[in-house]
């Protein structure tokens, strides 16, 4: 099992269990824990890029993602979120749960976690 440490001591950003990779919630927050981007499309792109880097560290790509859980601060951002999100998946979209969270870390507009299957 691989484990990618988190900036917080109480969880891992990535944890592999056999052929399944679990990624913790990623948001538009840089290495200094400052919010990046001012609208939903910018924040979604930053978040998805971070997820892409985490997947790559574990030998995976967005093609391996089978499930995402998405938390939006405001459900009215759904269309903008979808425009940015869909650019990251080529053929098959993963299953997804989209939730209006109402309160996210530092007021970010989006947080995403995912599960990837690495078996072939």
Protein backbone atom coordinates (compact mmCIF):
# COMPACT_ATOMS: atom_id res chain seq x y z
CA UNK A 1 0.00 0.00 0.00
CA UNK A 2 1.28 3.43 -0.94
CA UNK A 3 0.49 6.44 1.17
CA UNK A 4 0.89 10.12 0.29
CA UNK A 5 1.15 12.35 3.36
CA UNK A 6 -1.16 15.27 3.91
CA UNK A 7 -0.35 18.78 5.12
CA UNK A 8 -2.59 17.81 8.05
CA UNK A 9 -1.34 15.04 10.37
CA UNK A 10 -4.64 13.19 10.69
CA UNK A 11 -5.12 11.79 7.16
CA UNK A 12 -3.32 10.79 3.95
CA UNK A 13 -3.93 12.49 0.61
CA UNK A 14 -3.67 9.16 -1.22
CA UNK A 15 -3.93 5.60 -0.02
CA UNK A 16 -3.68 2.50 -2.13
CA UNK A 17 -5.31 -0.80 -1.15
CA UNK A 18 -4.35 -3.44 -3.68
CA UNK A 19 -5.64 -2.26 -7.05
CA UNK A 20 -7.82 0.51 -5.60
CA UNK A 21 -6.54 4.05 -5.00
CA UNK A 22 -8.40 6.44 -2.73
CA UNK A 23 -7.71 10.18 -2.89
CA UNK A 24 -8.80 12.47 -0.08
CA UNK A 25 -10.65 15.70 -0.73
CA UNK A 26 -8.71 18.11 -2.93
CA UNK A 27 -9.59 21.77 -3.24
CA UNK A 28 -8.19 24.94 -4.79
CA UNK A 29 -5.57 25.43 -2.10
CA UNK A 30 -1.84 25.86 -2.74
CA UNK A 31 1.11 24.51 -0.73
CA UNK A 32 0.78 27.43 1.71
CA UNK A 33 -2.91 26.56 2.23
CA UNK A 34 -4.01 29.73 0.43
CA UNK A 35 -7.09 29.68 -1.82
CA UNK A 36 -6.36 29.80 -5.56
CA UNK A 37 -8.86 31.12 -8.13
CA UNK A 38 -11.88 33.35 -7.79
CA UNK A 39 -14.59 31.52 -9.73
CA UNK A 40 -15.80 27.95 -9.98
CA UNK A 41 -14.09 27.15 -13.27
CA UNK A 42 -10.67 28.39 -12.08
CA UNK A 43 -11.02 26.60 -8.76
CA UNK A 44 -12.19 23.38 -10.42
CA UNK A 45 -9.28 23.41 -12.90
CA UNK A 46 -6.75 23.98 -10.08
CA UNK A 47 -8.33 21.16 -8.06
CA UNK A 48 -8.43 18.74 -10.99
CA UNK A 49 -4.80 19.53 -11.85
CA UNK A 50 -3.83 18.68 -8.26
CA UNK A 51 -5.78 15.42 -8.47
CA UNK A 52 -4.02 14.64 -11.74
CA UNK A 53 -0.61 15.08 -10.10
CA UNK A 54 -1.64 12.84 -7.18
CA UNK A 55 -2.90 10.18 -9.59
CA UNK A 56 0.34 10.36 -11.56
CA UNK A 57 2.43 9.86 -8.40
CA UNK A 58 0.55 6.60 -7.89
CA UNK A 59 0.91 5.46 -11.52
CA UNK A 60 -2.68 6.36 -12.46
CA UNK A 61 -4.49 8.78 -14.77
CA UNK A 62 -7.97 10.23 -14.99
CA UNK A 63 -8.85 7.22 -17.18
CA UNK A 64 -8.48 5.07 -14.04
CA UNK A 65 -10.93 7.13 -11.95
CA UNK A 66 -14.17 5.23 -11.37
CA UNK A 67 -15.87 7.44 -8.77
CA UNK A 68 -15.79 11.08 -7.69
CA UNK A 69 -17.52 12.87 -4.85
CA UNK A 70 -17.94 16.58 -5.46
CA UNK A 71 -18.85 19.17 -2.87
CA UNK A 72 -19.93 22.60 -4.12
CA UNK A 73 -20.29 25.60 -1.86
CA UNK A 74 -23.18 26.79 -4.07
CA UNK A 75 -25.26 24.50 -6.26
CA UNK A 76 -25.79 27.35 -8.73
CA UNK A 77 -22.10 26.81 -9.69
CA UNK A 78 -22.97 23.38 -11.11
CA UNK A 79 -22.86 24.37 -14.81
CA UNK A 80 -19.49 26.14 -14.49
CA UNK A 81 -18.14 23.22 -12.50
CA UNK A 82 -19.28 20.74 -15.17
CA UNK A 83 -17.62 22.76 -17.96
CA UNK A 84 -14.23 22.58 -16.22
CA UNK A 85 -14.62 19.02 -14.86
CA UNK A 86 -15.51 17.40 -18.18
CA UNK A 87 -12.22 18.50 -19.79
CA UNK A 88 -10.33 15.96 -17.66
CA UNK A 89 -12.06 12.78 -18.80
CA UNK A 90 -11.58 11.39 -22.32
CA UNK A 91 -13.94 8.51 -22.96
CA UNK A 92 -15.91 7.33 -19.97
CA UNK A 93 -17.01 9.57 -17.16
CA UNK A 94 -16.66 8.14 -13.64
CA UNK A 95 -19.70 7.73 -11.46
CA UNK A 96 -20.25 10.87 -9.43
CA UNK A 97 -22.03 12.27 -6.42
CA UNK A 98 -22.54 16.05 -6.39
CA UNK A 99 -23.48 17.67 -3.09
CA UNK A 100 -24.22 21.25 -2.13
CA UNK A 101 -22.01 21.50 0.94
CA UNK A 102 -22.82 25.01 2.12
CA UNK A 103 -19.58 25.33 4.09
CA UNK A 104 -16.13 24.37 2.84
CA UNK A 105 -12.57 25.02 4.05
CA UNK A 106 -11.70 28.75 3.83
CA UNK A 107 -14.80 29.36 1.71
CA UNK A 108 -13.51 27.44 -1.31
CA UNK A 109 -16.12 26.81 -3.98
CA UNK A 110 -15.33 23.14 -4.64
CA UNK A 111 -13.76 20.04 -3.07
CA UNK A 112 -13.35 16.71 -4.85
CA UNK A 113 -12.29 13.25 -3.72
CA UNK A 114 -12.05 10.19 -5.93
CA UNK A 115 -11.44 6.49 -6.23
CA UNK A 116 -9.39 4.91 -9.01
CA UNK A 117 -9.09 1.29 -10.09
CA UNK A 118 -5.54 0.38 -11.10
CA UNK A 119 -6.11 -3.22 -12.17
CA UNK A 120 -5.97 -3.93 -15.86
